Amino acid sequence: MNLLLDTHVLLWWLFDDRRLPRRARLLIEAPEANVQTSVVSLWETSIKVALKRAAADPLELYHAILDSGFGLLSIAPLHAVAVASLPRHHGDPFDRMLIAQAQAERLTLVTHDRTLAAYEVAMEIV
């Protein structure tokens, strides 16, 4: 399965946080899993750190993603354009970009955010 991790799922995984649901762990650890992350998660974390809403070091996060063996998906022009056609089910620009990327790249978004279920995208809500 081709997965795209939502930012919180990525952080929970990388920091071995007890909030990571067992279902998410099984999906990520599955032998057939092709796990992708997005530069959007680095961007979101960097902004939250600057606003003092998160304590993670974005550079350490970047290296942790590389060390994990997960893919790191850049924002392509097609992704940016696709956001304009998304319905306004959710206002968070980071989540909207992750939805657009998951749709464009045919990835299954792994998230804990049930409000994202309103979008037409393959999704695992954990």
N, C-alpha and C. Protein backbone atom coordinates (compact mmCIF):
# COMPACT_ATOMS: atom_id res chain seq x y z
N MET A 1 0.85 -1.17 0.00
CA MET A 1 0.00 0.00 0.00
C MET A 1 0.90 1.24 0.00
N ASN A 2 0.54 2.22 -0.80
CA ASN A 2 1.27 3.48 -0.88
C ASN A 2 0.65 4.49 0.08
N LEU A 3 1.39 4.84 1.11
CA LEU A 3 0.88 5.67 2.19
C LEU A 3 1.49 7.07 2.18
N LEU A 4 0.71 8.06 2.60
CA LEU A 4 1.20 9.40 2.88
C LEU A 4 0.81 9.71 4.32
N LEU A 5 1.79 9.99 5.15
CA LEU A 5 1.53 10.24 6.56
C LEU A 5 1.16 11.70 6.81
N ASP A 6 0.05 11.91 7.51
CA ASP A 6 -0.30 13.24 7.99
C ASP A 6 0.77 13.65 9.00
N THR A 7 0.93 14.93 9.20
CA THR A 7 2.02 15.44 10.04
C THR A 7 2.01 14.84 11.44
N HIS A 8 0.85 14.80 12.08
CA HIS A 8 0.82 14.29 13.45
C HIS A 8 1.18 12.80 13.50
N VAL A 9 0.75 12.03 12.52
CA VAL A 9 1.11 10.61 12.47
C VAL A 9 2.61 10.46 12.27
N LEU A 10 3.18 11.26 11.40
CA LEU A 10 4.63 11.24 11.19
C LEU A 10 5.39 11.55 12.48
N LEU A 11 4.98 12.60 13.17
CA LEU A 11 5.66 12.98 14.41
C LEU A 11 5.51 11.89 15.47
N TRP A 12 4.31 11.34 15.60
CA TRP A 12 4.10 10.28 16.57
C TRP A 12 5.00 9.09 16.26
N TRP A 13 5.12 8.74 14.98
CA TRP A 13 5.97 7.61 14.58
C TRP A 13 7.44 7.90 14.91
N LEU A 14 7.92 9.05 14.44
CA LEU A 14 9.34 9.36 14.60
C LEU A 14 9.77 9.49 16.05
N PHE A 15 8.86 9.97 16.90
CA PHE A 15 9.19 10.18 18.31
C PHE A 15 8.64 9.07 19.20
N ASP A 16 8.20 7.97 18.57
CA ASP A 16 7.68 6.81 19.29
C ASP A 16 6.68 7.22 20.36
N ASP A 17 5.77 8.10 19.95
CA ASP A 17 4.76 8.66 20.85
C ASP A 17 3.66 7.62 21.10
N ARG A 18 3.26 7.50 22.35
CA ARG A 18 2.22 6.52 22.71
C ARG A 18 0.87 6.85 22.08
N ARG A 19 0.69 8.07 21.55
CA ARG A 19 -0.58 8.42 20.90
C ARG A 19 -0.73 7.79 19.51
N LEU A 20 0.36 7.24 18.98
CA LEU A 20 0.26 6.58 17.67
C LEU A 20 -0.59 5.33 17.81
N PRO A 21 -1.74 5.31 17.14
CA PRO A 21 -2.61 4.14 17.25
C PRO A 21 -1.95 2.87 16.67
N ARG A 22 -2.31 1.75 17.25
CA ARG A 22 -1.76 0.47 16.82
C ARG A 22 -2.02 0.24 15.33
N ARG A 23 -3.19 0.64 14.86
CA ARG A 23 -3.55 0.48 13.44
C ARG A 23 -2.54 1.21 12.55
N ALA A 24 -2.15 2.43 12.94
CA ALA A 24 -1.18 3.19 12.17
C ALA A 24 0.17 2.48 12.15
N ARG A 25 0.57 2.00 13.29
CA ARG A 25 1.86 1.28 13.39
C ARG A 25 1.87 0.06 12.47
N LEU A 26 0.77 -0.69 12.44
CA LEU A 26 0.69 -1.87 11.58
C LEU A 26 0.75 -1.50 10.10
N LEU A 27 0.08 -0.41 9.73
CA LEU A 27 0.11 0.04 8.33
C LEU A 27 1.52 0.43 7.92
N ILE A 28 2.19 1.19 8.77
CA ILE A 28 3.53 1.70 8.46
C ILE A 28 4.55 0.57 8.43
N GLU A 29 4.41 -0.39 9.32
CA GLU A 29 5.37 -1.49 9.42
C GLU A 29 5.11 -2.61 8.43
N ALA A 30 3.98 -2.59 7.76
CA ALA A 30 3.65 -3.68 6.84
C ALA A 30 4.73 -3.81 5.77
N PRO A 31 5.13 -5.05 5.46
CA PRO A 31 6.21 -5.26 4.49
C PRO A 31 5.92 -4.64 3.12
N GLU A 32 4.66 -4.59 2.74
CA GLU A 32 4.30 -4.04 1.42
C GLU A 32 4.09 -2.52 1.45
N ALA A 33 4.26 -1.90 2.59
CA ALA A 33 4.02 -0.45 2.71
C ALA A 33 5.13 0.36 2.03
N ASN A 34 4.71 1.29 1.20
CA ASN A 34 5.59 2.29 0.61
C ASN A 34 5.20 3.60 1.29
N VAL A 35 5.97 4.01 2.29
CA VAL A 35 5.59 5.14 3.13
C VAL A 35 6.22 6.43 2.62
N GLN A 36 5.36 7.41 2.38
CA GLN A 36 5.79 8.73 1.93
C GLN A 36 5.43 9.76 3.01
N THR A 37 6.27 10.75 3.09
CA THR A 37 5.98 11.93 3.90
C THR A 37 6.00 13.11 2.95
N SER A 38 5.63 14.26 3.43
CA SER A 38 5.60 15.43 2.57
C SER A 38 6.42 16.56 3.15
N VAL A 39 7.02 17.33 2.29
CA VAL A 39 7.71 18.53 2.71
C VAL A 39 6.72 19.47 3.43
N VAL A 40 5.44 19.27 3.18
CA VAL A 40 4.39 20.04 3.88
C VAL A 40 4.51 19.84 5.39
N SER A 41 4.84 18.64 5.82
CA SER A 41 4.97 18.37 7.25
C SER A 41 6.16 19.13 7.85
N LEU A 42 7.24 19.23 7.10
CA LEU A 42 8.38 20.03 7.56
C LEU A 42 8.00 21.50 7.65
N TRP A 43 7.30 21.99 6.65
CA TRP A 43 6.85 23.38 6.60
C TRP A 43 5.91 23.68 7.77
N GLU A 44 4.92 22.80 7.97
CA GLU A 44 3.96 22.98 9.06
C GLU A 44 4.67 22.99 10.42
N THR A 45 5.57 22.05 10.61
CA THR A 45 6.30 21.98 11.88
C THR A 45 7.16 23.22 12.08
N SER A 46 7.81 23.69 11.04
CA SER A 46 8.64 24.90 11.13
C SER A 46 7.82 26.11 11.55
N ILE A 47 6.64 26.25 10.98
CA ILE A 47 5.77 27.37 11.35
C ILE A 47 5.32 27.25 12.80
N LYS A 48 4.95 26.05 13.21
CA LYS A 48 4.50 25.85 14.60
C LYS A 48 5.64 26.09 15.59
N VAL A 49 6.85 25.73 15.22
CA VAL A 49 8.01 26.00 16.09
C VAL A 49 8.21 27.51 16.21
N ALA A 50 8.13 28.22 15.08
CA ALA A 50 8.31 29.68 15.09
C ALA A 50 7.24 30.37 15.94
N LEU A 51 6.05 29.79 15.97
CA LEU A 51 4.94 30.35 16.77
C LEU A 51 4.95 29.83 18.20
N LYS A 52 5.96 29.01 18.53
CA LYS A 52 6.11 28.41 19.86
C LYS A 52 4.95 27.46 20.20
N ARG A 53 4.41 26.79 19.18
CA ARG A 53 3.35 25.81 19.38
C ARG A 53 3.87 24.39 19.30
N ALA A 54 5.14 24.24 18.95
CA ALA A 54 5.76 22.92 18.86
C ALA A 54 7.22 23.05 19.28
N ALA A 55 7.75 21.95 19.79
CA ALA A 55 9.13 21.97 20.28
C ALA A 55 10.09 21.19 19.38
N ALA A 56 9.58 20.52 18.38
CA ALA A 56 10.43 19.71 17.50
C ALA A 56 11.36 20.61 16.69
N ASP A 57 12.58 20.17 16.53
CA ASP A 57 13.54 20.89 15.69
C ASP A 57 13.32 20.46 14.23
N PRO A 58 12.94 21.40 13.34
CA PRO A 58 12.64 21.02 11.96
C PRO A 58 13.82 20.35 11.24
N LEU A 59 15.05 20.79 11.52
CA LEU A 59 16.20 20.17 10.87
C LEU A 59 16.38 18.72 11.36
N GLU A 60 16.18 18.51 12.66
CA GLU A 60 16.24 17.14 13.19
C GLU A 60 15.12 16.28 12.60
N LEU A 61 13.96 16.89 12.43
CA LEU A 61 12.83 16.18 11.83
C LEU A 61 13.18 15.76 10.40
N TYR A 62 13.77 16.66 9.64
CA TYR A 62 14.19 16.36 8.27
C TYR A 62 15.15 15.17 8.26
N HIS A 63 16.15 15.19 9.12
CA HIS A 63 17.11 14.09 9.17
C HIS A 63 16.45 12.79 9.65
N ALA A 64 15.51 12.90 10.57
CA ALA A 64 14.80 11.71 11.04
C ALA A 64 13.98 11.09 9.90
N ILE A 65 13.38 11.92 9.07
CA ILE A 65 12.63 11.40 7.91
C ILE A 65 13.59 10.67 6.98
N LEU A 66 14.73 11.29 6.68
CA LEU A 66 15.71 10.65 5.80
C LEU A 66 16.20 9.33 6.39
N ASP A 67 16.47 9.33 7.68
CA ASP A 67 16.96 8.12 8.35
C ASP A 67 15.90 7.01 8.42
N SER A 68 14.64 7.39 8.40
CA SER A 68 13.55 6.41 8.52
C SER A 68 13.40 5.56 7.27
N GLY A 69 13.91 6.06 6.15
CA GLY A 69 13.72 5.35 4.90
C GLY A 69 12.42 5.72 4.20
N PHE A 70 11.64 6.61 4.79
CA PHE A 70 10.42 7.08 4.15
C PHE A 70 10.78 7.99 2.98
N GLY A 71 9.92 8.01 1.98
CA GLY A 71 10.08 8.95 0.89
C GLY A 71 9.68 10.35 1.35
N LEU A 72 10.23 11.36 0.70
CA LEU A 72 9.89 12.75 1.02
C LEU A 72 9.37 13.40 -0.25
N LEU A 73 8.08 13.67 -0.27
CA LEU A 73 7.38 14.20 -1.42
C LEU A 73 7.45 15.72 -1.43
N SER A 74 7.95 16.29 -2.52
CA SER A 74 7.98 17.74 -2.68
C SER A 74 6.61 18.24 -3.14
N ILE A 75 6.41 19.54 -3.07
CA ILE A 75 5.19 20.14 -3.59
C ILE A 75 5.42 20.43 -5.07
N ALA A 76 4.66 19.77 -5.91
CA ALA A 76 4.75 19.97 -7.36
C ALA A 76 3.69 20.98 -7.79
N PRO A 77 3.91 21.63 -8.93
CA PRO A 77 2.90 22.58 -9.43
C PRO A 77 1.50 21.97 -9.51
N LEU A 78 1.40 20.72 -9.93
CA LEU A 78 0.09 20.05 -10.02
C LEU A 78 -0.58 19.98 -8.65
N HIS A 79 0.20 19.74 -7.61
CA HIS A 79 -0.36 19.70 -6.25
C HIS A 79 -0.91 21.07 -5.87
N ALA A 80 -0.13 22.11 -6.13
CA ALA A 80 -0.55 23.47 -5.76
C ALA A 80 -1.83 23.87 -6.49
N VAL A 81 -1.91 23.53 -7.77
CA VAL A 81 -3.09 23.87 -8.56
C VAL A 81 -4.31 23.08 -8.09
N ALA A 82 -4.10 21.83 -7.70
CA ALA A 82 -5.21 20.97 -7.29
C ALA A 82 -5.91 21.47 -6.03
N VAL A 83 -5.22 22.19 -5.19
CA VAL A 83 -5.82 22.70 -3.95
C VAL A 83 -7.02 23.60 -4.28
N ALA A 84 -6.94 24.34 -5.36
CA ALA A 84 -8.02 25.27 -5.74
C ALA A 84 -9.34 24.55 -6.00
N SER A 85 -9.28 23.31 -6.45
CA SER A 85 -10.52 22.59 -6.77
C SER A 85 -11.07 21.77 -5.60
N LEU A 86 -10.37 21.78 -4.47
CA LEU A 86 -10.87 21.03 -3.31
C LEU A 86 -12.05 21.75 -2.67
N PRO A 87 -13.08 21.02 -2.28
CA PRO A 87 -14.17 21.63 -1.53
C PRO A 87 -13.65 22.15 -0.18
N ARG A 88 -14.33 23.09 0.41
CA ARG A 88 -13.88 23.70 1.67
C ARG A 88 -14.34 22.90 2.88
N HIS A 89 -14.13 21.60 2.87
CA HIS A 89 -14.48 20.78 4.03
C HIS A 89 -13.58 21.09 5.21
N HIS A 90 -12.38 21.54 4.91
CA HIS A 90 -11.36 21.74 5.94
C HIS A 90 -10.57 22.98 5.56
N GLY A 91 -10.31 23.86 6.52
CA GLY A 91 -9.65 25.12 6.23
C GLY A 91 -8.13 25.11 6.40
N ASP A 92 -7.58 24.07 7.00
CA ASP A 92 -6.15 24.05 7.26
C ASP A 92 -5.38 23.88 5.95
N PRO A 93 -4.53 24.86 5.59
CA PRO A 93 -3.83 24.79 4.30
C PRO A 93 -2.87 23.61 4.20
N PHE A 94 -2.29 23.19 5.31
CA PHE A 94 -1.38 22.05 5.27
C PHE A 94 -2.14 20.77 4.97
N ASP A 95 -3.26 20.57 5.65
CA ASP A 95 -4.07 19.38 5.40
C ASP A 95 -4.63 19.39 3.99
N ARG A 96 -5.02 20.54 3.49
CA ARG A 96 -5.54 20.63 2.13
C ARG A 96 -4.47 20.24 1.11
N MET A 97 -3.23 20.65 1.35
CA MET A 97 -2.15 20.27 0.44
C MET A 97 -1.88 18.77 0.53
N LEU A 98 -1.92 18.21 1.73
CA LEU A 98 -1.74 16.76 1.86
C LEU A 98 -2.84 15.99 1.11
N ILE A 99 -4.06 16.49 1.18
CA ILE A 99 -5.16 15.87 0.43
C ILE A 99 -4.87 15.93 -1.06
N ALA A 100 -4.48 17.11 -1.54
CA ALA A 100 -4.17 17.27 -2.97
C ALA A 100 -3.04 16.34 -3.40
N GLN A 101 -2.01 16.23 -2.58
CA GLN A 101 -0.90 15.34 -2.91
C GLN A 101 -1.35 13.88 -2.93
N ALA A 102 -2.12 13.49 -1.94
CA ALA A 102 -2.61 12.10 -1.89
C ALA A 102 -3.45 11.79 -3.12
N GLN A 103 -4.30 12.72 -3.52
CA GLN A 103 -5.12 12.50 -4.71
C GLN A 103 -4.25 12.40 -5.96
N ALA A 104 -3.37 13.36 -6.14
CA ALA A 104 -2.56 13.42 -7.36
C ALA A 104 -1.60 12.23 -7.48
N GLU A 105 -1.06 11.79 -6.37
CA GLU A 105 -0.06 10.73 -6.39
C GLU A 105 -0.65 9.35 -6.10
N ARG A 106 -1.97 9.30 -5.93
CA ARG A 106 -2.68 8.05 -5.63
C ARG A 106 -2.12 7.37 -4.39
N LEU A 107 -2.05 8.15 -3.33
CA LEU A 107 -1.56 7.66 -2.04
C LEU A 107 -2.72 7.57 -1.06
N THR A 108 -2.60 6.71 -0.10
CA THR A 108 -3.58 6.59 0.98
C THR A 108 -3.09 7.45 2.13
N LEU A 109 -3.87 8.46 2.50
CA LEU A 109 -3.50 9.35 3.60
C LEU A 109 -3.78 8.66 4.92
N VAL A 110 -2.77 8.61 5.78
CA VAL A 110 -2.92 8.04 7.12
C VAL A 110 -3.02 9.19 8.09
N THR A 111 -4.18 9.32 8.73
CA THR A 111 -4.45 10.47 9.58
C THR A 111 -5.28 10.06 10.79
N HIS A 112 -5.28 10.94 11.76
CA HIS A 112 -6.12 10.77 12.94
C HIS A 112 -7.27 11.79 12.89
N ASP A 113 -7.25 12.64 11.88
CA ASP A 113 -8.20 13.75 11.74
C ASP A 113 -9.43 13.30 10.97
N ARG A 114 -10.51 13.01 11.69
CA ARG A 114 -11.74 12.51 11.07
C ARG A 114 -12.42 13.51 10.14
N THR A 115 -12.14 14.80 10.30
CA THR A 115 -12.78 15.79 9.43
C THR A 115 -12.28 15.67 7.99
N LEU A 116 -11.15 15.04 7.78
CA LEU A 116 -10.62 14.88 6.43
C LEU A 116 -11.38 13.81 5.64
N ALA A 117 -12.18 13.02 6.32
CA ALA A 117 -12.93 11.94 5.66
C ALA A 117 -13.94 12.47 4.64
N ALA A 118 -14.26 13.75 4.69
CA ALA A 118 -15.21 14.33 3.75
C ALA A 118 -14.63 14.44 2.34
N TYR A 119 -13.32 14.31 2.21
CA TYR A 119 -12.67 14.43 0.90
C TYR A 119 -12.67 13.10 0.17
N GLU A 120 -12.68 13.19 -1.16
CA GLU A 120 -12.60 12.00 -2.00
C GLU A 120 -11.15 11.64 -2.21
N VAL A 121 -10.64 10.87 -1.27
CA VAL A 121 -9.25 10.42 -1.31
C VAL A 121 -9.15 9.13 -0.51
N ALA A 122 -8.26 8.25 -0.94
CA ALA A 122 -8.03 7.04 -0.16
C ALA A 122 -7.47 7.46 1.19
N MET A 123 -8.02 6.89 2.25
CA MET A 123 -7.66 7.35 3.58
C MET A 123 -7.78 6.22 4.59
N GLU A 124 -6.86 6.23 5.53
CA GLU A 124 -6.93 5.36 6.70
C GLU A 124 -7.00 6.27 7.91
N ILE A 125 -8.14 6.29 8.57
CA ILE A 125 -8.29 7.10 9.78
C ILE A 125 -7.95 6.18 10.94
N VAL A 126 -6.90 6.56 11.65
CA VAL A 126 -6.38 5.71 12.73
C VAL A 126 -6.59 6.36 14.08
